[in-house]
Amino acid sequence: MPQIRPLLGWLRRGIDRVGRALEHPAVTPGVFIAFGAFLVMIWVTAASGAPYIGYDAHAYYQAAALHDPYRATINGGFDATGGLYEYKYPPPLAQLLAPVHLVGISWPLFLTAWIAVLLLALWRVGGRWTLLLLLFPPVLGELWLGNLNILLGLAVVLGTRWPSAWAFILLTKITPGVGLLWFAVRREWRALAIALGVTAGIAVVSLVLAPGLWTDFIAASRTQLGATVDVPRQAVPIPLPLRLAVAAVLVVWGARTDRAWVLPIAVGVSVPFLWWNVFATMVAAIPLASWRPSAARAADGAIADRPAASATL
């Protein structure tokens, strides 16, 4: 509509001005000063024994001990009556973090290091916009809770170049694996095979090392199935099957039109339970807004039979 075009033009010019301002040499040091201040606050709060700081990260920390990590979830179902910190992911993440307990890392130190990883991931996907993203409520909530949604966004960004990064998504939140339709629609079969192959390889090694953990994980997952349809009041009240369908449509549309920025949105929409902090995943749309099909993939024959569309918003 003609009356909208001036508004869109004004908006684009405003975004460009802000972007140029954020390229000032003082911004990057400011970002890391903000990071440092936040990490000090995290350490002090965790050391004081506050129970809800790093709520999700605490579940990862406890699960890393590999001492019956799914018992609270099995006993408590979705409502956490079995324990305050319920671990609900497949075993590989807990196994990867197991050295934390072997070397005796304390909870405050673990949480501070974990949040530092999340901040670096945010900087990687946010670039010059990182300082503003720190004011985005879902990002702040994510950093307080210590979930891994920002890492999911980073995995999506990396996955457009290195498909093996999708293994992190498939072996944590699982259902956002609907994003692999991107490769199938674009007939990038080699990339799809790498993503699935790496995931399967890690899962097999994990299963061989600890078959009992996988048995418990399946039992724990059964306690969560009902809540994916009968959504709890704390989450966005949209059932998982409907969100998966919407995510699939987004991915197919994005794949056919070279709009990679829809991938982190689809991943965020398709997580098992849509909490407000999950929207932090979607900041990964920023670097993917300028994504273009690589010459290597075009040469691979995946999309050579059709002209590339521009990756515009």
C-alpha atoms as a PDB file:
ATOM      1  CA  MET A   1       0.000   0.000   0.000  1.00  0.00           C
ATOM      2  CA  PRO A   2       1.427   3.422  -0.982  1.00  0.00           C
ATOM      3  CA  GLN A   3       0.840   4.989   2.447  1.00  0.00           C
ATOM      4  CA  ILE A   4       2.990   2.316   4.117  1.00  0.00           C
ATOM      5  CA  ARG A   5       6.051   2.837   1.922  1.00  0.00           C
ATOM      6  CA  PRO A   6       7.074   6.189   3.476  1.00  0.00           C
ATOM      7  CA  LEU A   7       6.760   4.640   6.923  1.00  0.00           C
ATOM      8  CA  LEU A   8       8.927   1.667   5.913  1.00  0.00           C
ATOM      9  CA  GLY A   9      11.490   4.021   4.390  1.00  0.00           C
ATOM     10  CA  TRP A  10      11.598   6.094   7.568  1.00  0.00           C
ATOM     11  CA  LEU A  11      11.985   2.925   9.627  1.00  0.00           C
ATOM     12  CA  ARG A  12      14.865   1.638   7.481  1.00  0.00           C
ATOM     13  CA  ARG A  13      16.658   4.987   7.688  1.00  0.00           C
ATOM     14  CA  GLY A  14      16.223   5.008  11.457  1.00  0.00           C
ATOM     15  CA  ILE A  15      17.637   1.481  11.775  1.00  0.00           C
ATOM     16  CA  ASP A  16      20.589   2.450   9.565  1.00  0.00           C
ATOM     17  CA  ARG A  17      21.348   5.481  11.766  1.00  0.00           C
ATOM     18  CA  VAL A  18      21.241   3.419  14.931  1.00  0.00           C
ATOM     19  CA  GLY A  19      23.404   0.749  13.296  1.00  0.00           C
ATOM     20  CA  ARG A  20      26.023   3.307  12.302  1.00  0.00           C
ATOM     21  CA  ALA A  21      26.018   4.746  15.817  1.00  0.00           C
ATOM     22  CA  LEU A  22      26.620   1.261  17.229  1.00  0.00           C
ATOM     23  CA  GLU A  23      29.721   0.929  15.048  1.00  0.00           C
ATOM     24  CA  HIS A  24      31.482   3.582  17.172  1.00  0.00           C
ATOM     25  CA  PRO A  25      34.829   2.250  18.503  1.00  0.00           C
ATOM     26  CA  ALA A  26      33.671   2.740  22.104  1.00  0.00           C
ATOM     27  CA  VAL A  27      30.721   0.378  21.738  1.00  0.00           C
ATOM     28  CA  THR A  28      32.620  -2.930  21.788  1.00  0.00           C
ATOM     29  CA  PRO A  29      34.517  -2.114  25.018  1.00  0.00           C
ATOM     30  CA  GLY A  30      31.200  -0.965  26.473  1.00  0.00           C
ATOM     31  CA  VAL A  31      29.609  -4.294  25.603  1.00  0.00           C
ATOM     32  CA  PHE A  32      32.332  -6.246  27.385  1.00  0.00           C
ATOM     33  CA  ILE A  33      32.196  -3.940  30.416  1.00  0.00           C
ATOM     34  CA  ALA A  34      28.461  -4.669  30.565  1.00  0.00           C
ATOM     35  CA  PHE A  35      29.231  -8.381  30.234  1.00  0.00           C
ATOM     36  CA  GLY A  36      31.721  -8.204  33.093  1.00  0.00           C
ATOM     37  CA  ALA A  37      29.345  -6.334  35.386  1.00  0.00           C
ATOM     38  CA  PHE A  38      26.596  -8.824  34.673  1.00  0.00           C
ATOM     39  CA  LEU A  39      28.862 -11.789  35.391  1.00  0.00           C
ATOM     40  CA  VAL A  40      29.932 -10.298  38.732  1.00  0.00           C
ATOM     41  CA  MET A  41      26.268  -9.903  39.643  1.00  0.00           C
ATOM     42  CA  ILE A  42      25.606 -13.522  38.618  1.00  0.00           C
ATOM     43  CA  TRP A  43      28.491 -14.795  40.765  1.00  0.00           C
ATOM     44  CA  VAL A  44      27.469 -12.810  43.840  1.00  0.00           C
ATOM     45  CA  THR A  45      23.810 -13.795  43.558  1.00  0.00           C
ATOM     46  CA  ALA A  46      24.568 -17.491  42.988  1.00  0.00           C
ATOM     47  CA  ALA A  47      27.047 -17.543  45.880  1.00  0.00           C
ATOM     48  CA  SER A  48      24.361 -16.108  48.165  1.00  0.00           C
ATOM     49  CA  GLY A  49      22.280 -19.244  47.627  1.00  0.00           C
ATOM     50  CA  ALA A  50      19.385 -17.610  45.742  1.00  0.00           C
ATOM     51  CA  PRO A  51      17.362 -20.597  44.425  1.00  0.00           C
ATOM     52  CA  TYR A  52      16.051 -19.149  41.159  1.00  0.00           C
ATOM     53  CA  ILE A  53      19.154 -17.537  39.702  1.00  0.00           C
ATOM     54  CA  GLY A  54      20.225 -19.776  36.821  1.00  0.00           C
ATOM     55  CA  TYR A  55      17.146 -21.940  37.350  1.00  0.00           C
ATOM     56  CA  ASP A  56      17.600 -23.920  34.124  1.00  0.00           C
ATOM     57  CA  ALA A  57      21.388 -23.963  34.306  1.00  0.00           C
ATOM     58  CA  HIS A  58      21.096 -25.497  37.785  1.00  0.00           C
ATOM     59  CA  ALA A  59      19.276 -28.459  36.239  1.00  0.00           C
ATOM     60  CA  TYR A  60      22.179 -28.908  33.811  1.00  0.00           C
ATOM     61  CA  TYR A  61      24.694 -28.638  36.650  1.00  0.00           C
ATOM     62  CA  GLN A  62      22.955 -31.279  38.728  1.00  0.00           C
ATOM     63  CA  ALA A  63      22.427 -33.575  35.735  1.00  0.00           C
ATOM     64  CA  ALA A  64      26.142 -33.410  34.948  1.00  0.00           C
ATOM     65  CA  ALA A  65      26.797 -35.472  38.072  1.00  0.00           C
ATOM     66  CA  LEU A  66      25.073 -38.331  36.169  1.00  0.00           C
ATOM     67  CA  HIS A  67      23.491 -39.537  39.423  1.00  0.00           C
ATOM     68  CA  ASP A  68      19.988 -40.453  38.268  1.00  0.00           C
ATOM     69  CA  PRO A  69      19.495 -37.083  36.486  1.00  0.00           C
ATOM     70  CA  TYR A  70      15.945 -37.864  35.315  1.00  0.00           C
ATOM     71  CA  ARG A  71      14.506 -38.976  38.657  1.00  0.00           C
ATOM     72  CA  ALA A  72      12.958 -35.596  39.521  1.00  0.00           C
ATOM     73  CA  THR A  73      11.333 -35.375  36.087  1.00  0.00           C
ATOM     74  CA  ILE A  74      10.019 -38.940  36.235  1.00  0.00           C
ATOM     75  CA  ASN A  75       8.623 -38.400  39.720  1.00  0.00           C
ATOM     76  CA  GLY A  76       7.334 -34.877  39.220  1.00  0.00           C
ATOM     77  CA  GLY A  77       6.073 -34.866  35.653  1.00  0.00           C
ATOM     78  CA  PHE A  78       5.740 -31.417  34.171  1.00  0.00           C
ATOM     79  CA  ASP A  79       4.950 -29.564  37.399  1.00  0.00           C
ATOM     80  CA  ALA A  80       8.321 -30.135  39.101  1.00  0.00           C
ATOM     81  CA  THR A  81       6.805 -31.804  42.153  1.00  0.00           C
ATOM     82  CA  GLY A  82       9.698 -34.270  42.067  1.00  0.00           C
ATOM     83  CA  GLY A  83      12.290 -31.557  42.628  1.00  0.00           C
ATOM     84  CA  LEU A  84      13.046 -27.909  41.919  1.00  0.00           C
ATOM     85  CA  TYR A  85      15.498 -28.540  39.077  1.00  0.00           C
ATOM     86  CA  GLU A  86      14.273 -31.010  36.456  1.00  0.00           C
ATOM     87  CA  TYR A  87      16.553 -32.119  33.618  1.00  0.00           C
ATOM     88  CA  LYS A  88      14.540 -32.897  30.474  1.00  0.00           C
ATOM     89  CA  TYR A  89      17.061 -33.135  27.624  1.00  0.00           C
ATOM     90  CA  PRO A  90      18.674 -36.239  26.079  1.00  0.00           C
ATOM     91  CA  PRO A  91      21.771 -37.541  27.897  1.00  0.00           C
ATOM     92  CA  PRO A  92      24.568 -36.114  25.675  1.00  0.00           C
ATOM     93  CA  LEU A  93      24.441 -32.633  27.226  1.00  0.00           C
ATOM     94  CA  ALA A  94      24.714 -34.037  30.755  1.00  0.00           C
ATOM     95  CA  GLN A  95      27.542 -36.320  29.637  1.00  0.00           C
ATOM     96  CA  LEU A  96      29.353 -33.411  27.982  1.00  0.00           C
ATOM     97  CA  LEU A  97      29.147 -31.413  31.209  1.00  0.00           C
ATOM     98  CA  ALA A  98      30.189 -34.347  33.429  1.00  0.00           C
ATOM     99  CA  PRO A  99      33.819 -33.111  33.816  1.00  0.00           C
ATOM    100  CA  VAL A 100      32.400 -30.137  35.736  1.00  0.00           C
ATOM    101  CA  HIS A 101      31.874 -32.411  38.720  1.00  0.00           C
ATOM    102  CA  LEU A 102      34.988 -34.485  38.128  1.00  0.00           C
ATOM    103  CA  VAL A 103      37.176 -31.414  38.652  1.00  0.00           C
ATOM    104  CA  GLY A 104      35.037 -30.057  41.476  1.00  0.00           C
ATOM    105  CA  ILE A 105      33.719 -26.856  39.901  1.00  0.00           C
ATOM    106  CA  SER A 106      31.327 -25.109  42.287  1.00  0.00           C
ATOM    107  CA  TRP A 107      27.818 -24.017  41.353  1.00  0.00           C
ATOM    108  CA  PRO A 108      28.601 -20.247  41.356  1.00  0.00           C
ATOM    109  CA  LEU A 109      31.647 -20.803  39.151  1.00  0.00           C
ATOM    110  CA  PHE A 110      29.727 -23.075  36.777  1.00  0.00           C
ATOM    111  CA  LEU A 111      26.881 -20.605  36.429  1.00  0.00           C
ATOM    112  CA  THR A 112      29.228 -17.680  35.821  1.00  0.00           C
ATOM    113  CA  ALA A 113      31.088 -19.633  33.133  1.00  0.00           C
ATOM    114  CA  TRP A 114      27.808 -20.808  31.570  1.00  0.00           C
ATOM    115  CA  ILE A 115      26.407 -17.269  31.393  1.00  0.00           C
ATOM    116  CA  ALA A 116      29.719 -16.100  29.917  1.00  0.00           C
ATOM    117  CA  VAL A 117      29.242 -18.661  27.130  1.00  0.00           C
ATOM    118  CA  LEU A 118      25.713 -17.357  26.531  1.00  0.00           C
ATOM    119  CA  LEU A 119      26.974 -13.771  26.393  1.00  0.00           C
ATOM    120  CA  LEU A 120      29.654 -14.685  23.860  1.00  0.00           C
ATOM    121  CA  ALA A 121      27.027 -16.496  21.788  1.00  0.00           C
ATOM    122  CA  LEU A 122      24.836 -13.390  21.954  1.00  0.00           C
ATOM    123  CA  TRP A 123      27.761 -11.244  20.799  1.00  0.00           C
ATOM    124  CA  ARG A 124      28.402 -13.676  17.941  1.00  0.00           C
ATOM    125  CA  VAL A 125      24.836 -13.506  16.625  1.00  0.00           C
ATOM    126  CA  GLY A 126      24.070  -9.912  17.645  1.00  0.00           C
ATOM    127  CA  GLY A 127      27.196  -8.215  16.357  1.00  0.00           C
ATOM    128  CA  ARG A 128      26.897  -4.444  16.590  1.00  0.00           C
ATOM    129  CA  TRP A 129      23.368  -4.799  17.971  1.00  0.00           C
ATOM    130  CA  THR A 130      24.486  -6.699  21.093  1.00  0.00           C
ATOM    131  CA  LEU A 131      24.285  -3.704  23.409  1.00  0.00           C
ATOM    132  CA  LEU A 132      20.643  -3.110  22.466  1.00  0.00           C
ATOM    133  CA  LEU A 133      19.845  -6.825  22.639  1.00  0.00           C
ATOM    134  CA  LEU A 134      20.883  -6.807  26.290  1.00  0.00           C
ATOM    135  CA  LEU A 135      17.767  -4.677  26.845  1.00  0.00           C
ATOM    136  CA  PHE A 136      15.485  -7.164  25.065  1.00  0.00           C
ATOM    137  CA  PRO A 137      13.386  -8.802  27.844  1.00  0.00           C
ATOM    138  CA  PRO A 138      13.603 -12.382  26.496  1.00  0.00           C
ATOM    139  CA  VAL A 139      17.399 -12.058  26.322  1.00  0.00           C
ATOM    140  CA  LEU A 140      17.562 -10.737  29.884  1.00  0.00           C
ATOM    141  CA  GLY A 141      15.298 -13.567  31.022  1.00  0.00           C
ATOM    142  CA  GLU A 142      17.446 -16.085  29.212  1.00  0.00           C
ATOM    143  CA  LEU A 143      20.592 -14.784  30.873  1.00  0.00           C
ATOM    144  CA  TRP A 144      18.929 -14.894  34.296  1.00  0.00           C
ATOM    145  CA  LEU A 145      17.547 -18.429  33.873  1.00  0.00           C
ATOM    146  CA  GLY A 146      20.587 -19.822  32.076  1.00  0.00           C
ATOM    147  CA  ASN A 147      18.658 -21.762  29.448  1.00  0.00           C
ATOM    148  CA  LEU A 148      20.310 -22.560  26.119  1.00  0.00           C
ATOM    149  CA  ASN A 149      17.995 -20.793  23.678  1.00  0.00           C
ATOM    150  CA  ILE A 150      20.677 -18.293  22.626  1.00  0.00           C
ATOM    151  CA  LEU A 151      22.911 -21.275  21.839  1.00  0.00           C
ATOM    152  CA  LEU A 152      20.111 -22.697  19.679  1.00  0.00           C
ATOM    153  CA  GLY A 153      20.118 -19.474  17.693  1.00  0.00           C
ATOM    154  CA  LEU A 154      23.890 -19.649  17.301  1.00  0.00           C
ATOM    155  CA  ALA A 155      23.608 -23.279  16.163  1.00  0.00           C
ATOM    156  CA  VAL A 156      21.132 -22.215  13.457  1.00  0.00           C
ATOM    157  CA  VAL A 157      23.524 -19.521  12.220  1.00  0.00           C
ATOM    158  CA  LEU A 158      26.476 -21.920  12.200  1.00  0.00           C
ATOM    159  CA  GLY A 159      24.298 -24.642  10.685  1.00  0.00           C
ATOM    160  CA  THR A 160      23.819 -22.681   7.468  1.00  0.00           C
ATOM    161  CA  ARG A 161      27.541 -23.196   6.876  1.00  0.00           C
ATOM    162  CA  TRP A 162      28.333 -26.285   8.952  1.00  0.00           C
ATOM    163  CA  PRO A 163      25.269 -28.580   9.029  1.00  0.00           C
ATOM    164  CA  SER A 164      26.742 -30.621  11.879  1.00  0.00           C
ATOM    165  CA  ALA A 165      25.773 -27.752  14.209  1.00  0.00           C
ATOM    166  CA  TRP A 166      22.181 -28.979  13.961  1.00  0.00           C
ATOM    167  CA  ALA A 167      23.183 -31.914  16.168  1.00  0.00           C
ATOM    168  CA  PHE A 168      23.153 -29.543  19.144  1.00  0.00           C
ATOM    169  CA  ILE A 169      19.524 -28.625  18.413  1.00  0.00           C
ATOM    170  CA  LEU A 170      18.404 -32.212  17.831  1.00  0.00           C
ATOM    171  CA  LEU A 171      20.112 -33.489  20.971  1.00  0.00           C
ATOM    172  CA  THR A 172      18.683 -30.816  23.274  1.00  0.00           C
ATOM    173  CA  LYS A 173      15.264 -29.403  22.371  1.00  0.00           C
ATOM    174  CA  ILE A 174      14.650 -32.090  19.675  1.00  0.00           C
ATOM    175  CA  THR A 175      11.443 -30.728  18.067  1.00  0.00           C
ATOM    176  CA  PRO A 176      13.137 -27.685  16.459  1.00  0.00           C
ATOM    177  CA  GLY A 177      14.743 -30.272  14.198  1.00  0.00           C
ATOM    178  CA  VAL A 178      11.827 -29.380  11.917  1.00  0.00           C
ATOM    179  CA  GLY A 179      14.282 -26.787  10.643  1.00  0.00           C
ATOM    180  CA  LEU A 180      16.071 -29.557   8.727  1.00  0.00           C
ATOM    181  CA  LEU A 181      13.283 -29.250   6.170  1.00  0.00           C
ATOM    182  CA  TRP A 182      15.420 -26.355   4.922  1.00  0.00           C
ATOM    183  CA  PHE A 183      17.936 -28.792   3.462  1.00  0.00           C
ATOM    184  CA  ALA A 184      15.289 -31.179   2.148  1.00  0.00           C
ATOM    185  CA  VAL A 185      13.329 -28.472   0.321  1.00  0.00           C
ATOM    186  CA  ARG A 186      16.521 -27.073  -1.203  1.00  0.00           C
ATOM    187  CA  ARG A 187      17.657 -30.610  -2.086  1.00  0.00           C
ATOM    188  CA  GLU A 188      20.887 -30.099  -0.175  1.00  0.00           C
ATOM    189  CA  TRP A 189      21.101 -33.809   0.561  1.00  0.00           C
ATOM    190  CA  ARG A 190      24.745 -33.807   1.586  1.00  0.00           C
ATOM    191  CA  ALA A 191      24.099 -31.147   4.237  1.00  0.00           C
ATOM    192  CA  LEU A 192      21.053 -33.051   5.480  1.00  0.00           C
ATOM    193  CA  ALA A 193      23.040 -36.280   5.668  1.00  0.00           C
ATOM    194  CA  ILE A 194      25.814 -34.555   7.639  1.00  0.00           C
ATOM    195  CA  ALA A 195      23.338 -33.073  10.139  1.00  0.00           C
ATOM    196  CA  LEU A 196      21.559 -36.380  10.697  1.00  0.00           C
ATOM    197  CA  GLY A 197      24.743 -38.452  10.592  1.00  0.00           C
ATOM    198  CA  VAL A 198      26.575 -36.389  13.199  1.00  0.00           C
ATOM    199  CA  THR A 199      23.495 -36.426  15.420  1.00  0.00           C
ATOM    200  CA  ALA A 200      23.147 -40.198  15.096  1.00  0.00           C
ATOM    201  CA  GLY A 201      26.850 -40.711  15.750  1.00  0.00           C
ATOM    202  CA  ILE A 202      26.805 -38.690  18.969  1.00  0.00           C
ATOM    203  CA  ALA A 203      23.614 -40.422  20.106  1.00  0.00           C
ATOM    204  CA  VAL A 204      25.097 -43.874  19.493  1.00  0.00           C
ATOM    205  CA  VAL A 205      28.265 -43.088  21.441  1.00  0.00           C
ATOM    206  CA  SER A 206      26.140 -41.677  24.267  1.00  0.00           C
ATOM    207  CA  LEU A 207      23.931 -44.775  24.259  1.00  0.00           C
ATOM    208  CA  VAL A 208      26.894 -47.140  24.377  1.00  0.00           C
ATOM    209  CA  LEU A 209      28.436 -45.225  27.285  1.00  0.00           C
ATOM    210  CA  ALA A 210      25.227 -44.978  29.317  1.00  0.00           C
ATOM    211  CA  PRO A 211      22.261 -47.019  28.039  1.00  0.00           C
ATOM    212  CA  GLY A 212      20.454 -46.572  31.359  1.00  0.00           C
ATOM    213  CA  LEU A 213      20.381 -42.810  30.922  1.00  0.00           C
ATOM    214  CA  TRP A 214      18.531 -43.191  27.631  1.00  0.00           C
ATOM    215  CA  THR A 215      15.997 -45.537  29.220  1.00  0.00           C
ATOM    216  CA  ASP A 216      15.375 -42.966  31.944  1.00  0.00           C
ATOM    217  CA  PHE A 217      15.198 -40.145  29.388  1.00  0.00           C
ATOM    218  CA  ILE A 218      12.422 -41.949  27.502  1.00  0.00           C
ATOM    219  CA  ALA A 219      10.540 -42.493  30.758  1.00  0.00           C
ATOM    220  CA  ALA A 220      10.979 -38.824  31.680  1.00  0.00           C
ATOM    221  CA  SER A 221       9.808 -37.689  28.238  1.00  0.00           C
ATOM    222  CA  ARG A 222       6.565 -39.611  28.631  1.00  0.00           C
ATOM    223  CA  THR A 223       5.693 -37.445  31.626  1.00  0.00           C
ATOM    224  CA  GLN A 224       5.935 -34.341  29.422  1.00  0.00           C
ATOM    225  CA  LEU A 225       3.836 -35.382  26.427  1.00  0.00           C
ATOM    226  CA  GLY A 226       0.468 -34.298  27.785  1.00  0.00           C
ATOM    227  CA  ALA A 227       1.717 -30.772  28.480  1.00  0.00           C
ATOM    228  CA  THR A 228       2.696 -30.273  24.829  1.00  0.00           C
ATOM    229  CA  VAL A 229      -1.014 -30.349  23.925  1.00  0.00           C
ATOM    230  CA  ASP A 230      -2.706 -29.294  27.163  1.00  0.00           C
ATOM    231  CA  VAL A 231      -0.397 -26.306  27.551  1.00  0.00           C
ATOM    232  CA  PRO A 232       0.342 -25.192  31.130  1.00  0.00           C
ATOM    233  CA  ARG A 233      -0.780 -21.706  32.060  1.00  0.00           C
ATOM    234  CA  GLN A 234       2.788 -20.423  32.456  1.00  0.00           C
ATOM    235  CA  ALA A 235       3.603 -21.017  28.766  1.00  0.00           C
ATOM    236  CA  VAL A 236       2.259 -19.457  25.568  1.00  0.00           C
ATOM    237  CA  PRO A 237      -1.068 -21.296  25.116  1.00  0.00           C
ATOM    238  CA  ILE A 238      -0.440 -22.767  21.672  1.00  0.00           C
ATOM    239  CA  PRO A 239      -0.132 -26.590  21.440  1.00  0.00           C
ATOM    240  CA  LEU A 240       3.098 -28.030  20.069  1.00  0.00           C
ATOM    241  CA  PRO A 241       1.487 -29.800  17.049  1.00  0.00           C
ATOM    242  CA  LEU A 242       0.092 -26.487  15.790  1.00  0.00           C
ATOM    243  CA  ARG A 243       3.392 -24.698  16.358  1.00  0.00           C
ATOM    244  CA  LEU A 244       5.275 -27.451  14.523  1.00  0.00           C
ATOM    245  CA  ALA A 245       2.964 -27.025  11.531  1.00  0.00           C
ATOM    246  CA  VAL A 246       3.534 -23.259  11.516  1.00  0.00           C
ATOM    247  CA  ALA A 247       7.295 -23.767  11.830  1.00  0.00           C
ATOM    248  CA  ALA A 248       7.303 -26.239   8.941  1.00  0.00           C
ATOM    249  CA  VAL A 249       5.455 -23.778   6.710  1.00  0.00           C
ATOM    250  CA  LEU A 250       7.912 -21.032   7.637  1.00  0.00           C
ATOM    251  CA  VAL A 251      10.927 -23.223   6.884  1.00  0.00           C
ATOM    252  CA  VAL A 252       9.549 -24.385   3.538  1.00  0.00           C
ATOM    253  CA  TRP A 253       8.737 -20.816   2.520  1.00  0.00           C
ATOM    254  CA  GLY A 254      12.141 -19.580   3.653  1.00  0.00           C
ATOM    255  CA  ALA A 255      13.957 -22.399   1.854  1.00  0.00           C
ATOM    256  CA  ARG A 256      12.144 -21.740  -1.412  1.00  0.00           C
ATOM    257  CA  THR A 257      12.790 -17.991  -1.302  1.00  0.00           C
ATOM    258  CA  ASP A 258      16.315 -17.931   0.202  1.00  0.00           C
ATOM    259  CA  ARG A 259      15.143 -16.272   3.421  1.00  0.00           C
ATOM    260  CA  ALA A 260      17.376 -17.925   5.989  1.00  0.00           C
ATOM    261  CA  TRP A 261      16.279 -15.453   8.662  1.00  0.00           C
ATOM    262  CA  VAL A 262      13.077 -17.469   9.147  1.00  0.00           C
ATOM    263  CA  LEU A 263      15.077 -20.427  10.497  1.00  0.00           C
ATOM    264  CA  PRO A 264      15.677 -19.117  14.053  1.00  0.00           C
ATOM    265  CA  ILE A 265      12.061 -17.957  14.170  1.00  0.00           C
ATOM    266  CA  ALA A 266      10.872 -21.451  13.208  1.00  0.00           C
ATOM    267  CA  VAL A 267      13.248 -23.019  15.737  1.00  0.00           C
ATOM    268  CA  GLY A 268      11.945 -20.752  18.482  1.00  0.00           C
ATOM    269  CA  VAL A 269       8.310 -21.431  17.596  1.00  0.00           C
ATOM    270  CA  SER A 270       8.811 -25.206  17.583  1.00  0.00           C
ATOM    271  CA  VAL A 271      10.435 -25.791  20.977  1.00  0.00           C
ATOM    272  CA  PRO A 272       8.479 -28.239  23.161  1.00  0.00           C
ATOM    273  CA  PHE A 273       7.224 -25.508  25.514  1.00  0.00           C
ATOM    274  CA  LEU A 274       7.049 -21.891  24.421  1.00  0.00           C
ATOM    275  CA  TRP A 275       8.160 -19.802  27.400  1.00  0.00           C
ATOM    276  CA  TRP A 276       8.667 -16.061  26.986  1.00  0.00           C
ATOM    277  CA  ASN A 277      12.459 -16.312  27.178  1.00  0.00           C
ATOM    278  CA  VAL A 278      12.498 -18.666  24.169  1.00  0.00           C
ATOM    279  CA  PHE A 279      12.116 -15.611  21.944  1.00  0.00           C
ATOM    280  CA  ALA A 280      15.813 -14.975  22.626  1.00  0.00           C
ATOM    281  CA  THR A 281      16.479 -17.634  19.984  1.00  0.00           C
ATOM    282  CA  MET A 282      15.040 -15.349  17.344  1.00  0.00           C
ATOM    283  CA  VAL A 283      17.783 -12.727  17.658  1.00  0.00           C
ATOM    284  CA  ALA A 284      19.752 -15.056  15.366  1.00  0.00           C
ATOM    285  CA  ALA A 285      17.579 -13.704  12.538  1.00  0.00           C
ATOM    286  CA  ILE A 286      19.799 -10.587  12.595  1.00  0.00           C
ATOM    287  CA  PRO A 287      22.939 -12.093  11.004  1.00  0.00           C
ATOM    288  CA  LEU A 288      20.833 -14.288   8.720  1.00  0.00           C
ATOM    289  CA  ALA A 289      18.942 -11.317   7.285  1.00  0.00           C
ATOM    290  CA  SER A 290      21.822 -10.772   4.851  1.00  0.00           C
ATOM    291  CA  TRP A 291      22.425 -14.464   4.142  1.00  0.00           C
ATOM    292  CA  ARG A 292      22.992 -15.513   0.526  1.00  0.00           C
ATOM    293  CA  PRO A 293      23.273 -19.033  -0.936  1.00  0.00           C
ATOM    294  CA  SER A 294      26.945 -19.957  -1.065  1.00  0.00           C
ATOM    295  CA  ALA A 295      28.603 -20.562  -4.390  1.00  0.00           C
ATOM    296  CA  ALA A 296      29.790 -23.927  -3.096  1.00  0.00           C
ATOM    297  CA  ARG A 297      26.279 -25.163  -2.472  1.00  0.00           C
ATOM    298  CA  ALA A 298      25.038 -23.832  -5.786  1.00  0.00           C
ATOM    299  CA  ALA A 299      27.903 -25.646  -7.490  1.00  0.00           C
ATOM    300  CA  ASP A 300      26.906 -28.776  -5.607  1.00  0.00           C
ATOM    301  CA  GLY A 301      23.753 -28.831  -7.698  1.00  0.00           C
ATOM    302  CA  ALA A 302      21.354 -28.290  -4.833  1.00  0.00           C
ATOM    303  CA  ILE A 303      19.884 -25.067  -6.175  1.00  0.00           C
ATOM    304  CA  ALA A 304      21.594 -24.690  -9.522  1.00  0.00           C
ATOM    305  CA  ASP A 305      18.426 -25.364 -11.478  1.00  0.00           C
ATOM    306  CA  ARG A 306      16.671 -22.189 -10.362  1.00  0.00           C
ATOM    307  CA  PRO A 307      17.737 -18.545 -10.007  1.00  0.00           C
ATOM    308  CA  ALA A 308      18.586 -17.415  -6.494  1.00  0.00           C
ATOM    309  CA  ALA A 309      16.128 -15.050  -4.925  1.00  0.00           C
ATOM    310  CA  SER A 310      17.412 -12.138  -2.901  1.00  0.00           C
ATOM    311  CA  ALA A 311      17.562 -12.728   0.836  1.00  0.00           C
ATOM    312  CA  THR A 312      15.501  -9.731   1.818  1.00  0.00           C
ATOM    313  CA  LEU A 313      13.315  -9.229   4.807  1.00  0.00           C
END
